[in-house]
Amino acid sequence: MADQRNQADESTTRIPDDEWEAIVANVPIVSVDLVIRHEGGVLLGLRENEPARGEWFVPGGTVFKNETLTDALHRVADEELGVDVTIESRLGTFEHFYDTSDVEGIDSKHYLATAFEVTLDDDNLEMDTQHSQLKVFEPPYEGLHPYVERYLDALD
């Protein structure tokens, strides 16, 4: 599987920084989100960037051109957590509308996020700069971001 991801990485096209502003301003962002089952709960990160800054949220990221959803999911797990994951199920595709953005001068962001239920292949997590903390939340889940709550409802 790693060989397939490496081959996919060589053919993917990352979005140049100078084009990201126009994309965020004009089109939905295709992304993957990882709903990580861990230690009897769900692993969430405290976001340090917009959108959803200051919220406990699932790790996730943009799907690049020529990258499959599952390849993107494994890349995001590696980039944001430093681990690989096992896909347990596909929860579906969800629309997320935010009134904030990570791009100066753009006051909203729209995602089409495909969420996957996953488990960690090991516990040696290496947190990226998008999160200041990682924490396992156990049921009953209360007070979480509404989009996270939708994912957790889809688990049941």
Protein backbone atom coordinates (compact mmCIF):
# COMPACT_ATOMS: atom_id res chain seq x y z
CA MET A 1 0.00 0.00 0.00
CA ALA A 2 2.84 2.41 0.76
CA ASP A 3 4.15 1.96 -2.80
CA GLN A 4 0.75 2.98 -4.20
CA ARG A 5 0.72 6.09 -2.01
CA ASN A 6 4.24 7.00 -3.10
CA GLN A 7 3.27 6.62 -6.74
CA ALA A 8 0.16 8.69 -6.15
CA ASP A 9 2.23 11.38 -4.41
CA GLU A 10 4.48 11.72 -7.47
CA SER A 11 1.48 12.37 -9.73
CA THR A 12 -0.51 14.68 -7.45
CA THR A 13 -0.59 18.39 -8.03
CA ARG A 14 -0.33 20.56 -4.95
CA ILE A 15 -2.07 23.91 -5.09
CA PRO A 16 0.38 26.80 -5.55
CA ASP A 17 0.16 29.37 -2.75
CA ASP A 18 -0.62 32.21 -5.16
CA GLU A 19 -3.72 30.36 -6.45
CA TRP A 20 -5.12 29.27 -3.07
CA GLU A 21 -6.82 32.65 -2.43
CA ALA A 22 -8.85 32.46 -5.67
CA ILE A 23 -9.83 28.87 -4.94
CA VAL A 24 -11.02 29.60 -1.40
CA ALA A 25 -12.94 32.65 -2.64
CA ASN A 26 -14.73 30.82 -5.45
CA VAL A 27 -15.10 27.06 -5.03
CA PRO A 28 -15.77 24.43 -2.36
CA ILE A 29 -12.67 22.68 -1.05
CA VAL A 30 -12.70 18.88 -1.47
CA SER A 31 -11.28 17.35 1.68
CA VAL A 32 -11.05 14.26 3.88
CA ASP A 33 -11.66 14.15 7.63
CA LEU A 34 -10.43 11.44 9.99
CA VAL A 35 -12.80 10.37 12.77
CA ILE A 36 -10.26 8.48 14.85
CA ARG A 37 -11.58 5.83 17.26
CA HIS A 38 -9.08 5.60 20.11
CA GLU A 39 -9.11 4.36 23.72
CA GLY A 40 -12.91 4.11 23.92
CA GLY A 41 -13.54 7.52 22.39
CA VAL A 42 -12.62 9.79 19.50
CA LEU A 43 -9.29 11.61 19.15
CA LEU A 44 -9.67 15.34 18.44
CA GLY A 45 -7.21 18.19 18.06
CA LEU A 46 -7.54 21.74 19.38
CA ARG A 47 -7.33 23.85 16.21
CA GLU A 48 -4.85 26.71 16.00
CA ASN A 49 -5.90 28.00 12.57
CA GLU A 50 -9.09 29.08 10.82
CA PRO A 51 -11.65 27.92 10.18
CA ALA A 52 -12.78 26.59 13.56
CA ARG A 53 -9.82 28.07 15.46
CA GLY A 54 -10.08 27.22 19.16
CA GLU A 55 -12.43 24.26 18.54
CA TRP A 56 -11.83 20.57 19.14
CA PHE A 57 -11.99 19.08 15.65
CA VAL A 58 -11.06 15.99 13.70
CA PRO A 59 -7.82 16.01 11.68
CA GLY A 60 -8.39 16.58 8.01
CA GLY A 61 -7.08 18.16 4.85
CA THR A 62 -7.47 19.02 1.21
CA VAL A 63 -7.53 16.37 -1.50
CA PHE A 64 -5.04 17.21 -4.25
CA LYS A 65 -5.62 16.75 -7.96
CA ASN A 66 -4.86 13.16 -9.06
CA GLU A 67 -5.01 11.95 -5.45
CA THR A 68 -7.63 9.41 -4.41
CA LEU A 69 -9.64 9.98 -1.24
CA THR A 70 -7.89 7.10 0.52
CA ASP A 71 -4.45 8.31 -0.55
CA ALA A 72 -5.33 11.78 0.75
CA LEU A 73 -6.53 10.26 4.03
CA HIS A 74 -3.23 8.42 4.56
CA ARG A 75 -1.20 11.51 3.60
CA VAL A 76 -3.17 13.69 6.04
CA ALA A 77 -2.74 11.13 8.85
CA ASP A 78 1.00 11.18 8.23
CA GLU A 79 1.30 14.98 7.91
CA GLU A 80 -0.93 15.90 10.84
CA LEU A 81 -0.27 13.02 13.25
CA GLY A 82 2.88 11.27 12.03
CA VAL A 83 1.14 7.88 11.84
CA ASP A 84 -0.74 5.69 9.42
CA VAL A 85 -4.33 4.62 10.00
CA THR A 86 -6.63 1.74 9.13
CA ILE A 87 -9.92 2.66 7.49
CA GLU A 88 -12.86 1.08 9.31
CA SER A 89 -15.71 2.73 7.36
CA ARG A 90 -16.65 5.63 5.14
CA LEU A 91 -19.14 7.85 6.97
CA GLY A 92 -20.18 9.89 3.95
CA THR A 93 -19.66 13.32 2.45
CA PHE A 94 -20.63 16.37 4.48
CA GLU A 95 -20.92 20.07 3.60
CA HIS A 96 -19.21 22.52 5.94
CA PHE A 97 -19.86 26.27 5.69
CA TYR A 98 -17.68 28.60 7.77
CA ASP A 99 -17.87 32.36 8.21
CA THR A 100 -14.08 32.50 8.67
CA SER A 101 -11.12 31.49 6.53
CA ASP A 102 -7.37 30.99 6.74
CA VAL A 103 -6.91 33.45 3.84
CA GLU A 104 -6.69 37.16 4.62
CA GLY A 105 -9.49 39.10 2.95
CA ILE A 106 -11.70 36.02 2.42
CA ASP A 107 -14.44 35.88 5.05
CA SER A 108 -15.82 32.39 4.42
CA LYS A 109 -14.86 28.87 3.47
CA HIS A 110 -16.88 25.97 2.05
CA TYR A 111 -15.81 22.32 2.28
CA LEU A 112 -17.10 19.10 0.78
CA ALA A 113 -15.56 16.76 3.33
CA THR A 114 -15.64 12.99 3.06
CA ALA A 115 -15.31 11.56 6.56
CA PHE A 116 -13.80 8.19 7.37
CA GLU A 117 -13.88 6.26 10.62
CA VAL A 118 -10.30 5.14 11.23
CA THR A 119 -8.07 3.59 13.89
CA LEU A 120 -4.42 4.37 14.53
CA ASP A 121 -1.80 1.87 13.40
CA ASP A 122 0.40 2.96 16.33
CA ASP A 123 0.23 5.38 19.27
CA ASN A 124 3.38 7.40 18.54
CA LEU A 125 1.57 10.59 17.55
CA GLU A 126 3.52 13.61 16.35
CA MET A 127 1.23 16.64 16.42
CA ASP A 128 1.52 19.22 13.64
CA THR A 129 1.27 23.01 14.02
CA GLN A 130 -2.46 23.06 13.19
CA HIS A 131 -3.24 21.65 16.66
CA SER A 132 -2.01 22.73 20.08
CA GLN A 133 -3.35 19.63 21.87
CA LEU A 134 -4.75 16.20 21.14
CA LYS A 135 -7.37 14.68 23.42
CA VAL A 136 -9.64 11.63 23.47
CA PHE A 137 -13.30 12.51 23.97
CA GLU A 138 -15.55 9.76 25.32
CA PRO A 139 -19.33 9.42 25.09
CA PRO A 140 -21.57 11.12 25.87
CA TYR A 141 -20.15 13.73 23.51
CA GLU A 142 -21.20 17.23 24.53
CA GLY A 143 -20.19 20.76 23.64
CA LEU A 144 -18.28 19.88 20.49
CA HIS A 145 -18.37 21.76 17.19
CA PRO A 146 -21.63 20.99 15.33
CA TYR A 147 -19.74 19.47 12.39
CA VAL A 148 -17.89 17.11 14.73
CA GLU A 149 -21.20 16.18 16.35
CA ARG A 150 -22.58 15.27 12.89
CA TYR A 151 -19.65 12.91 12.38
CA LEU A 152 -20.17 11.32 15.78
CA ASP A 153 -23.88 10.86 15.04
CA ALA A 154 -22.89 9.06 11.81
CA LEU A 155 -20.81 6.57 13.86
CA ASP A 156 -23.89 5.20 15.62
